[in-house]
Amino acid sequence: MSEATREESNKYGVLFWVGTVIGWAIIVYGARLLLADDEAEWFNTVRLAAIGIIAHDVIWLAVSVGTGWLLSRIIGREIPFWIRWAGWTTAIIVAMWLPVGRRYGDRLNNDTILPRNYTNSIVILLAVIWVGAAIYGFVSSRRPAERSEG
């Protein structure tokens, strides 16, 4: 085996392949459960999956790429990685939180729907994200720069 082929086969590492196998096992298990369900509504399941794919690939990716491009033009590319990561993670978490934070789907006299204080939860989660990112930024700034020999 040539050196280039060996490097290509080790490119992703063991954790990637373990995660891939576990992910596909979960998908296969879910598909088996769906096929075994006598009350499954196939049209709605396919429709929901299609909407999810379109929402992610067309809308969310377009918004992400467009916003990233716009911010890089306005602010520049000098923003450290950890701030960019924490900012995008915050945007994703807030987008996912908005429906429950605004209490969409809340029902009167039904304590089981939206029973928690989601505002406190998002504040704590965002604090953990930003503190973790700041720690990463601090630690990475203390490390000597690695030089690549080419």
Protein backbone atom coordinates (compact mmCIF):
# COMPACT_ATOMS: atom_id res chain seq x y z
CA MET A 1 0.00 0.00 0.00
CA SER A 2 1.46 3.36 -0.98
CA GLU A 3 1.97 6.12 1.58
CA ALA A 4 -0.70 8.33 -0.04
CA THR A 5 -3.27 5.50 0.07
CA ARG A 6 -2.44 4.78 3.73
CA GLU A 7 -2.87 8.46 4.65
CA GLU A 8 -6.19 8.59 2.78
CA SER A 9 -7.54 5.52 4.62
CA ASN A 10 -6.57 7.03 8.01
CA LYS A 11 -7.93 10.45 7.12
CA TYR A 12 -11.09 10.23 9.21
CA GLY A 13 -9.86 8.15 12.13
CA VAL A 14 -11.51 5.54 14.29
CA LEU A 15 -14.01 7.86 16.01
CA PHE A 16 -15.47 8.91 12.66
CA TRP A 17 -16.09 5.30 11.62
CA VAL A 18 -17.47 4.29 15.02
CA GLY A 19 -19.85 7.27 14.90
CA THR A 20 -20.86 6.37 11.36
CA VAL A 21 -21.68 2.78 12.30
CA ILE A 22 -23.64 3.88 15.39
CA GLY A 23 -25.53 6.52 13.36
CA TRP A 24 -26.53 4.04 10.65
CA ALA A 25 -27.55 1.49 13.29
CA ILE A 26 -29.89 4.08 14.81
CA ILE A 27 -31.33 4.91 11.38
CA VAL A 28 -31.92 1.22 10.56
CA TYR A 29 -33.54 0.67 13.98
CA GLY A 30 -35.84 3.67 13.45
CA ALA A 31 -36.78 2.47 9.96
CA ARG A 32 -37.63 -0.98 11.38
CA LEU A 33 -39.85 0.62 14.03
CA LEU A 34 -41.58 2.72 11.38
CA LEU A 35 -42.17 -0.28 9.12
CA ALA A 36 -43.55 -2.35 12.00
CA ASP A 37 -46.01 0.38 13.07
CA ASP A 38 -49.50 -0.45 11.80
CA GLU A 39 -50.70 3.09 12.40
CA ALA A 40 -47.85 4.84 10.56
CA GLU A 41 -49.00 7.45 8.10
CA TRP A 42 -46.53 7.06 5.24
CA PHE A 43 -47.50 10.17 3.34
CA ASN A 44 -47.05 12.39 6.40
CA THR A 45 -43.75 10.72 7.29
CA VAL A 46 -42.33 11.25 3.79
CA ARG A 47 -43.72 14.79 3.69
CA LEU A 48 -42.15 15.65 7.06
CA ALA A 49 -38.78 14.23 5.97
CA ALA A 50 -38.93 16.19 2.69
CA ILE A 51 -39.80 19.41 4.51
CA GLY A 52 -36.92 18.83 6.92
CA ILE A 53 -34.45 18.25 4.09
CA ILE A 54 -35.64 21.32 2.20
CA ALA A 55 -35.64 23.47 5.32
CA HIS A 56 -32.10 22.43 6.16
CA ASP A 57 -30.48 22.36 2.75
CA VAL A 58 -32.20 25.25 1.05
CA ILE A 59 -33.14 27.65 3.80
CA TRP A 60 -30.73 27.11 6.72
CA LEU A 61 -27.61 26.58 4.61
CA ALA A 62 -28.43 29.57 2.40
CA VAL A 63 -28.97 31.76 5.44
CA SER A 64 -25.76 30.48 7.07
CA VAL A 65 -23.60 30.99 4.00
CA GLY A 66 -25.15 34.37 3.22
CA THR A 67 -24.79 35.61 6.79
CA GLY A 68 -21.20 34.35 6.98
CA TRP A 69 -20.32 36.06 3.72
CA LEU A 70 -21.96 39.31 4.82
CA LEU A 71 -20.27 39.30 8.22
CA SER A 72 -16.88 38.58 6.68
CA ARG A 73 -17.37 41.62 4.41
CA ILE A 74 -18.51 43.88 7.26
CA ILE A 75 -16.25 42.74 10.09
CA GLY A 76 -13.45 41.04 8.23
CA ARG A 77 -11.82 37.68 8.76
CA GLU A 78 -9.82 38.69 11.80
CA ILE A 79 -12.37 37.25 14.23
CA PRO A 80 -10.87 34.36 16.22
CA PHE A 81 -12.24 30.89 15.55
CA TRP A 82 -13.68 30.44 19.03
CA ILE A 83 -15.81 33.59 18.72
CA ARG A 84 -17.09 32.55 15.29
CA TRP A 85 -17.89 29.05 16.60
CA ALA A 86 -19.70 30.35 19.68
CA GLY A 87 -21.62 32.88 17.57
CA TRP A 88 -22.85 30.29 15.07
CA THR A 89 -23.66 27.82 17.82
CA THR A 90 -25.65 30.55 19.59
CA ALA A 91 -27.55 31.32 16.37
CA ILE A 92 -28.46 27.65 15.89
CA ILE A 93 -29.50 27.15 19.52
CA VAL A 94 -31.63 30.32 19.52
CA ALA A 95 -33.30 29.31 16.24
CA MET A 96 -34.18 25.93 17.76
CA TRP A 97 -35.31 27.55 21.03
CA LEU A 98 -37.60 30.19 19.52
CA PRO A 99 -40.73 28.02 19.13
CA VAL A 100 -40.62 26.78 22.72
CA GLY A 101 -39.41 30.11 24.07
CA ARG A 102 -42.40 31.81 22.45
CA ARG A 103 -44.53 28.95 23.79
CA TYR A 104 -45.98 27.91 20.45
CA GLY A 105 -48.21 24.89 21.01
CA ASP A 106 -48.96 25.76 24.63
CA ARG A 107 -52.39 24.57 25.73
CA LEU A 108 -54.53 25.88 28.55
CA ASN A 109 -55.22 23.39 31.34
CA ASN A 110 -52.54 20.99 30.06
CA ASP A 111 -49.53 21.00 32.36
CA THR A 112 -47.65 18.42 30.29
CA ILE A 113 -47.07 20.73 27.32
CA LEU A 114 -44.06 23.03 27.69
CA PRO A 115 -43.73 22.43 31.45
CA ARG A 116 -40.29 24.00 31.98
CA ASN A 117 -38.87 27.49 32.14
CA TYR A 118 -37.11 27.49 28.78
CA THR A 119 -35.81 31.04 29.14
CA ASN A 120 -33.63 30.06 32.09
CA SER A 121 -32.47 26.98 30.20
CA ILE A 122 -31.34 28.94 27.13
CA VAL A 123 -29.51 31.51 29.25
CA ILE A 124 -27.62 28.76 31.09
CA LEU A 125 -26.85 26.88 27.86
CA LEU A 126 -25.57 29.99 26.09
CA ALA A 127 -23.44 30.89 29.11
CA VAL A 128 -21.88 27.41 29.04
CA ILE A 129 -21.22 27.71 25.28
CA TRP A 130 -19.53 31.11 25.57
CA VAL A 131 -17.53 30.25 28.70
CA GLY A 132 -16.36 27.01 27.06
CA ALA A 133 -15.42 28.86 23.88
CA ALA A 134 -13.56 31.53 25.86
CA ILE A 135 -11.62 28.85 27.74
CA TYR A 136 -10.74 27.24 24.41
CA GLY A 137 -9.62 30.63 23.07
CA PHE A 138 -7.52 31.30 26.15
CA VAL A 139 -5.86 27.87 26.11
CA SER A 140 -5.22 27.96 22.36
CA SER A 141 -3.68 31.44 22.60
CA ARG A 142 -1.20 30.16 25.23
CA ARG A 143 0.00 27.28 23.03
CA PRO A 144 3.03 27.92 20.86
CA ALA A 145 2.13 28.13 17.18
CA GLU A 146 2.76 24.87 15.37
CA ARG A 147 4.90 25.16 12.30
CA SER A 148 4.23 23.09 9.26
CA GLU A 149 7.22 21.85 7.40
CA GLY A 150 6.54 21.76 3.73
